[in-house]
Amino acid sequence: LREINAQVKFISVEPLIGPLPGLKLDGINWVIVGGESGPGARPMQETWARDIRDVCLASGVPFFFKQ
């Protein structure tokens, strides 16, 4: 993704069904996070989303949470 010649590069982490330790956001402009919905949806732990949010804050990358 970092090598693609695009003005805006974003990561959509939906559904978030596990933690993403070591997430690097160099060259990423935006991160979207959301849980799974509907019948049989797998649970998302709040800490997984908060950890990603914290990486975004530290990296100066906008964070958007859905659901």
PDB file of N, CA and C in Angstrom:
ATOM      1  N   LEU A   1       0.832  -1.200   0.000  1.00  0.00           N
ATOM      2  CA  LEU A   1       0.000   0.000   0.000  1.00  0.00           C
ATOM      3  C   LEU A   1       0.869   1.254   0.000  1.00  0.00           C
ATOM      4  N   ARG A   2       1.947   1.231   0.756  1.00  0.00           N
ATOM      5  CA  ARG A   2       2.808   2.413   0.828  1.00  0.00           C
ATOM      6  C   ARG A   2       3.457   2.741  -0.517  1.00  0.00           C
ATOM      7  N   GLU A   3       3.622   1.751  -1.363  1.00  0.00           N
ATOM      8  CA  GLU A   3       4.290   1.952  -2.653  1.00  0.00           C
ATOM      9  C   GLU A   3       3.349   2.397  -3.758  1.00  0.00           C
ATOM     10  N   ILE A   4       2.053   2.363  -3.516  1.00  0.00           N
ATOM     11  CA  ILE A   4       1.073   2.773  -4.523  1.00  0.00           C
ATOM     12  C   ILE A   4       1.053   4.287  -4.620  1.00  0.00           C
ATOM     13  N   ASN A   5       0.983   4.802  -5.838  1.00  0.00           N
ATOM     14  CA  ASN A   5       0.945   6.238  -6.063  1.00  0.00           C
ATOM     15  C   ASN A   5      -0.498   6.738  -5.937  1.00  0.00           C
ATOM     16  N   ALA A   6      -0.924   6.941  -4.701  1.00  0.00           N
ATOM     17  CA  ALA A   6      -2.268   7.451  -4.436  1.00  0.00           C
ATOM     18  C   ALA A   6      -2.150   8.619  -3.468  1.00  0.00           C
ATOM     19  N   GLN A   7      -3.039   9.612  -3.616  1.00  0.00           N
ATOM     20  CA  GLN A   7      -3.002  10.764  -2.721  1.00  0.00           C
ATOM     21  C   GLN A   7      -3.365  10.389  -1.291  1.00  0.00           C
ATOM     22  N   VAL A   8      -4.383   9.566  -1.134  1.00  0.00           N
ATOM     23  CA  VAL A   8      -4.839   9.161   0.197  1.00  0.00           C
ATOM     24  C   VAL A   8      -4.732   7.646   0.309  1.00  0.00           C
ATOM     25  N   LYS A   9      -4.065   7.205   1.350  1.00  0.00           N
ATOM     26  CA  LYS A   9      -3.915   5.773   1.612  1.00  0.00           C
ATOM     27  C   LYS A   9      -4.544   5.478   2.961  1.00  0.00           C
ATOM     28  N   PHE A  10      -5.512   4.561   2.954  1.00  0.00           N
ATOM     29  CA  PHE A  10      -6.166   4.249   4.221  1.00  0.00           C
ATOM     30  C   PHE A  10      -6.252   2.751   4.420  1.00  0.00           C
ATOM     31  N   ILE A  11      -6.347   2.388   5.700  1.00  0.00           N
ATOM     32  CA  ILE A  11      -6.520   0.997   6.085  1.00  0.00           C
ATOM     33  C   ILE A  11      -7.902   0.871   6.693  1.00  0.00           C
ATOM     34  N   SER A  12      -8.674  -0.077   6.205  1.00  0.00           N
ATOM     35  CA  SER A  12      -9.994  -0.364   6.754  1.00  0.00           C
ATOM     36  C   SER A  12      -9.903  -1.695   7.495  1.00  0.00           C
ATOM     37  N   VAL A  13     -10.006  -1.622   8.812  1.00  0.00           N
ATOM     38  CA  VAL A  13      -9.886  -2.809   9.652  1.00  0.00           C
ATOM     39  C   VAL A  13     -11.288  -3.180  10.124  1.00  0.00           C
ATOM     40  N   GLU A  14     -12.053  -3.782   9.235  1.00  0.00           N
ATOM     41  CA  GLU A  14     -13.424  -4.167   9.534  1.00  0.00           C
ATOM     42  C   GLU A  14     -13.742  -5.474   8.814  1.00  0.00           C
ATOM     43  N   PRO A  15     -14.139  -6.445   9.524  1.00  0.00           N
ATOM     44  CA  PRO A  15     -14.344  -6.445  10.961  1.00  0.00           C
ATOM     45  C   PRO A  15     -13.034  -6.687  11.699  1.00  0.00           C
ATOM     46  N   LEU A  16     -12.905  -6.015  12.813  1.00  0.00           N
ATOM     47  CA  LEU A  16     -11.749  -6.219  13.680  1.00  0.00           C
ATOM     48  C   LEU A  16     -12.048  -7.432  14.555  1.00  0.00           C
ATOM     49  N   ILE A  17     -11.381  -8.544  14.274  1.00  0.00           N
ATOM     50  CA  ILE A  17     -11.664  -9.784  15.015  1.00  0.00           C
ATOM     51  C   ILE A  17     -10.450 -10.281  15.797  1.00  0.00           C
ATOM     52  N   GLY A  18      -9.465  -9.396  15.947  1.00  0.00           N
ATOM     53  CA  GLY A  18      -8.291  -9.741  16.733  1.00  0.00           C
ATOM     54  C   GLY A  18      -7.380  -8.537  16.852  1.00  0.00           C
ATOM     55  N   PRO A  19      -6.418  -8.590  17.750  1.00  0.00           N
ATOM     56  CA  PRO A  19      -5.504  -7.469  17.932  1.00  0.00           C
ATOM     57  C   PRO A  19      -4.530  -7.344  16.763  1.00  0.00           C
ATOM     58  N   LEU A  20      -3.976  -6.159  16.595  1.00  0.00           N
ATOM     59  CA  LEU A  20      -2.976  -5.908  15.549  1.00  0.00           C
ATOM     60  C   LEU A  20      -1.700  -5.348  16.181  1.00  0.00           C
ATOM     61  N   PRO A  21      -0.979  -6.172  16.908  1.00  0.00           N
ATOM     62  CA  PRO A  21       0.251  -5.688  17.538  1.00  0.00           C
ATOM     63  C   PRO A  21       1.295  -5.319  16.485  1.00  0.00           C
ATOM     64  N   GLY A  22       2.057  -4.278  16.766  1.00  0.00           N
ATOM     65  CA  GLY A  22       3.125  -3.881  15.845  1.00  0.00           C
ATOM     66  C   GLY A  22       2.647  -3.127  14.623  1.00  0.00           C
ATOM     67  N   LEU A  23       1.438  -2.603  14.651  1.00  0.00           N
ATOM     68  CA  LEU A  23       0.886  -1.869  13.510  1.00  0.00           C
ATOM     69  C   LEU A  23       1.743  -0.641  13.218  1.00  0.00           C
ATOM     70  N   LYS A  24       2.210  -0.514  11.995  1.00  0.00           N
ATOM     71  CA  LYS A  24       3.025   0.623  11.562  1.00  0.00           C
ATOM     72  C   LYS A  24       2.206   1.456  10.584  1.00  0.00           C
ATOM     73  N   LEU A  25       2.148   2.752  10.816  1.00  0.00           N
ATOM     74  CA  LEU A  25       1.305   3.613   9.990  1.00  0.00           C
ATOM     75  C   LEU A  25       2.100   4.605   9.150  1.00  0.00           C
ATOM     76  N   ASP A  26       3.383   4.352   8.954  1.00  0.00           N
ATOM     77  CA  ASP A  26       4.187   5.216   8.088  1.00  0.00           C
ATOM     78  C   ASP A  26       3.573   5.241   6.699  1.00  0.00           C
ATOM     79  N   GLY A  27       3.295   6.432   6.166  1.00  0.00           N
ATOM     80  CA  GLY A  27       2.747   6.563   4.827  1.00  0.00           C
ATOM     81  C   GLY A  27       1.256   6.301   4.730  1.00  0.00           C
ATOM     82  N   ILE A  28       0.575   6.100   5.859  1.00  0.00           N
ATOM     83  CA  ILE A  28      -0.871   5.865   5.870  1.00  0.00           C
ATOM     84  C   ILE A  28      -1.560   7.139   6.343  1.00  0.00           C
ATOM     85  N   ASN A  29      -2.647   7.524   5.660  1.00  0.00           N
ATOM     86  CA  ASN A  29      -3.325   8.783   5.949  1.00  0.00           C
ATOM     87  C   ASN A  29      -4.541   8.661   6.852  1.00  0.00           C
ATOM     88  N   TRP A  30      -5.069   7.452   6.997  1.00  0.00           N
ATOM     89  CA  TRP A  30      -6.348   7.335   7.683  1.00  0.00           C
ATOM     90  C   TRP A  30      -6.561   5.876   8.041  1.00  0.00           C
ATOM     91  N   VAL A  31      -7.176   5.607   9.192  1.00  0.00           N
ATOM     92  CA  VAL A  31      -7.501   4.240   9.600  1.00  0.00           C
ATOM     93  C   VAL A  31      -8.969   4.181  10.008  1.00  0.00           C
ATOM     94  N   ILE A  32      -9.673   3.190   9.490  1.00  0.00           N
ATOM     95  CA  ILE A  32     -11.076   2.953   9.816  1.00  0.00           C
ATOM     96  C   ILE A  32     -11.150   1.621  10.549  1.00  0.00           C
ATOM     97  N   VAL A  33     -11.847   1.603  11.677  1.00  0.00           N
ATOM     98  CA  VAL A  33     -11.996   0.389  12.474  1.00  0.00           C
ATOM     99  C   VAL A  33     -13.473   0.161  12.750  1.00  0.00           C
ATOM    100  N   GLY A  34     -13.902  -1.082  12.691  1.00  0.00           N
ATOM    101  CA  GLY A  34     -15.287  -1.408  13.010  1.00  0.00           C
ATOM    102  C   GLY A  34     -15.427  -2.864  13.394  1.00  0.00           C
ATOM    103  N   GLY A  35     -16.479  -3.139  14.118  1.00  0.00           N
ATOM    104  CA  GLY A  35     -16.772  -4.508  14.511  1.00  0.00           C
ATOM    105  C   GLY A  35     -17.610  -5.208  13.462  1.00  0.00           C
ATOM    106  N   GLU A  36     -17.871  -6.440  13.702  1.00  0.00           N
ATOM    107  CA  GLU A  36     -18.716  -7.237  12.818  1.00  0.00           C
ATOM    108  C   GLU A  36     -20.163  -7.097  13.287  1.00  0.00           C
ATOM    109  N   SER A  37     -21.098  -7.103  12.360  1.00  0.00           N
ATOM    110  CA  SER A  37     -22.500  -6.972  12.735  1.00  0.00           C
ATOM    111  C   SER A  37     -23.323  -8.073  12.080  1.00  0.00           C
ATOM    112  N   GLY A  38     -24.544  -8.182  12.521  1.00  0.00           N
ATOM    113  CA  GLY A  38     -25.446  -9.165  11.951  1.00  0.00           C
ATOM    114  C   GLY A  38     -25.467 -10.458  12.743  1.00  0.00           C
ATOM    115  N   PRO A  39     -26.346 -11.364  12.330  1.00  0.00           N
ATOM    116  CA  PRO A  39     -26.459 -12.652  13.024  1.00  0.00           C
ATOM    117  C   PRO A  39     -25.121 -13.406  12.997  1.00  0.00           C
ATOM    118  N   GLY A  40     -24.730 -13.919  14.129  1.00  0.00           N
ATOM    119  CA  GLY A  40     -23.484 -14.684  14.214  1.00  0.00           C
ATOM    120  C   GLY A  40     -22.235 -13.830  14.245  1.00  0.00           C
ATOM    121  N   ALA A  41     -22.381 -12.511  14.463  1.00  0.00           N
ATOM    122  CA  ALA A  41     -21.215 -11.626  14.492  1.00  0.00           C
ATOM    123  C   ALA A  41     -20.264 -12.037  15.606  1.00  0.00           C
ATOM    124  N   ARG A  42     -18.991 -12.031  15.276  1.00  0.00           N
ATOM    125  CA  ARG A  42     -17.962 -12.343  16.268  1.00  0.00           C
ATOM    126  C   ARG A  42     -17.703 -11.104  17.118  1.00  0.00           C
ATOM    127  N   PRO A  43     -17.442 -11.297  18.405  1.00  0.00           N
ATOM    128  CA  PRO A  43     -17.237 -10.140  19.280  1.00  0.00           C
ATOM    129  C   PRO A  43     -15.897  -9.447  19.026  1.00  0.00           C
ATOM    130  N   MET A  44     -15.898  -8.156  19.256  1.00  0.00           N
ATOM    131  CA  MET A  44     -14.686  -7.357  19.171  1.00  0.00           C
ATOM    132  C   MET A  44     -14.374  -6.841  20.570  1.00  0.00           C
ATOM    133  N   GLN A  45     -13.142  -6.955  20.984  1.00  0.00           N
ATOM    134  CA  GLN A  45     -12.762  -6.436  22.289  1.00  0.00           C
ATOM    135  C   GLN A  45     -12.390  -4.958  22.169  1.00  0.00           C
ATOM    136  N   GLU A  46     -12.870  -4.168  23.105  1.00  0.00           N
ATOM    137  CA  GLU A  46     -12.605  -2.728  23.087  1.00  0.00           C
ATOM    138  C   GLU A  46     -11.116  -2.425  23.065  1.00  0.00           C
ATOM    139  N   THR A  47     -10.333  -3.211  23.750  1.00  0.00           N
ATOM    140  CA  THR A  47      -8.894  -2.942  23.811  1.00  0.00           C
ATOM    141  C   THR A  47      -8.234  -3.034  22.435  1.00  0.00           C
ATOM    142  N   TRP A  48      -8.751  -3.898  21.563  1.00  0.00           N
ATOM    143  CA  TRP A  48      -8.186  -3.986  20.215  1.00  0.00           C
ATOM    144  C   TRP A  48      -8.343  -2.656  19.489  1.00  0.00           C
ATOM    145  N   ALA A  49      -9.536  -2.069  19.567  1.00  0.00           N
ATOM    146  CA  ALA A  49      -9.802  -0.790  18.903  1.00  0.00           C
ATOM    147  C   ALA A  49      -9.021   0.340  19.581  1.00  0.00           C
ATOM    148  N   ARG A  50      -8.961   0.331  20.897  1.00  0.00           N
ATOM    149  CA  ARG A  50      -8.226   1.376  21.622  1.00  0.00           C
ATOM    150  C   ARG A  50      -6.742   1.337  21.306  1.00  0.00           C
ATOM    151  N   ASP A  51      -6.189   0.142  21.183  1.00  0.00           N
ATOM    152  CA  ASP A  51      -4.767   0.027  20.842  1.00  0.00           C
ATOM    153  C   ASP A  51      -4.485   0.644  19.476  1.00  0.00           C
ATOM    154  N   ILE A  52      -5.362   0.391  18.508  1.00  0.00           N
ATOM    155  CA  ILE A  52      -5.194   0.972  17.172  1.00  0.00           C
ATOM    156  C   ILE A  52      -5.357   2.486  17.248  1.00  0.00           C
ATOM    157  N   ARG A  53      -6.351   2.949  18.009  1.00  0.00           N
ATOM    158  CA  ARG A  53      -6.554   4.391  18.185  1.00  0.00           C
ATOM    159  C   ARG A  53      -5.309   5.041  18.767  1.00  0.00           C
ATOM    160  N   ASP A  54      -4.705   4.396  19.745  1.00  0.00           N
ATOM    161  CA  ASP A  54      -3.506   4.950  20.377  1.00  0.00           C
ATOM    162  C   ASP A  54      -2.338   5.038  19.401  1.00  0.00           C
ATOM    163  N   VAL A  55      -2.190   4.037  18.544  1.00  0.00           N
ATOM    164  CA  VAL A  55      -1.139   4.073  17.518  1.00  0.00           C
ATOM    165  C   VAL A  55      -1.419   5.227  16.553  1.00  0.00           C
ATOM    166  N   CYS A  56      -2.681   5.407  16.184  1.00  0.00           N
ATOM    167  CA  CYS A  56      -3.058   6.517  15.300  1.00  0.00           C
ATOM    168  C   CYS A  56      -2.722   7.857  15.942  1.00  0.00           C
ATOM    169  N   LEU A  57      -3.085   8.028  17.207  1.00  0.00           N
ATOM    170  CA  LEU A  57      -2.787   9.284  17.908  1.00  0.00           C
ATOM    171  C   LEU A  57      -1.284   9.546  17.942  1.00  0.00           C
ATOM    172  N   ALA A  58      -0.520   8.536  18.259  1.00  0.00           N
ATOM    173  CA  ALA A  58       0.936   8.682  18.338  1.00  0.00           C
ATOM    174  C   ALA A  58       1.557   8.980  16.978  1.00  0.00           C
ATOM    175  N   SER A  59       0.899   8.516  15.913  1.00  0.00           N
ATOM    176  CA  SER A  59       1.428   8.684  14.547  1.00  0.00           C
ATOM    177  C   SER A  59       0.838   9.891  13.833  1.00  0.00           C
ATOM    178  N   GLY A  60      -0.139  10.554  14.449  1.00  0.00           N
ATOM    179  CA  GLY A  60      -0.797  11.684  13.798  1.00  0.00           C
ATOM    180  C   GLY A  60      -1.690  11.294  12.651  1.00  0.00           C
ATOM    181  N   VAL A  61      -2.252  10.084  12.719  1.00  0.00           N
ATOM    182  CA  VAL A  61      -3.108   9.553  11.662  1.00  0.00           C
ATOM    183  C   VAL A  61      -4.571   9.595  12.145  1.00  0.00           C
ATOM    184  N   PRO A  62      -5.483  10.171  11.355  1.00  0.00           N
ATOM    185  CA  PRO A  62      -6.889  10.180  11.762  1.00  0.00           C
ATOM    186  C   PRO A  62      -7.433   8.769  11.941  1.00  0.00           C
ATOM    187  N   PHE A  63      -8.279   8.626  12.947  1.00  0.00           N
ATOM    188  CA  PHE A  63      -8.888   7.344  13.320  1.00  0.00           C
ATOM    189  C   PHE A  63     -10.399   7.509  13.271  1.00  0.00           C
ATOM    190  N   PHE A  64     -11.067   6.577  12.610  1.00  0.00           N
ATOM    191  CA  PHE A  64     -12.526   6.598  12.547  1.00  0.00           C
ATOM    192  C   PHE A  64     -13.044   5.248  13.004  1.00  0.00           C
ATOM    193  N   PHE A  65     -13.933   5.269  14.009  1.00  0.00           N
ATOM    194  CA  PHE A  65     -14.520   4.041  14.523  1.00  0.00           C
ATOM    195  C   PHE A  65     -15.977   3.955  14.110  1.00  0.00           C
ATOM    196  N   LYS A  66     -16.373   2.834  13.515  1.00  0.00           N
ATOM    197  CA  LYS A  66     -17.745   2.594  13.092  1.00  0.00           C
ATOM    198  C   LYS A  66     -18.406   1.605  14.058  1.00  0.00           C
ATOM    199  N   GLN A  67     -19.693   1.757  14.245  1.00  0.00           N
ATOM    200  CA  GLN A  67     -20.525   0.869  15.067  1.00  0.00           C
ATOM    201  C   GLN A  67     -20.234   1.123  16.507  1.00  0.00           C
TER     202      GLN A  67
END
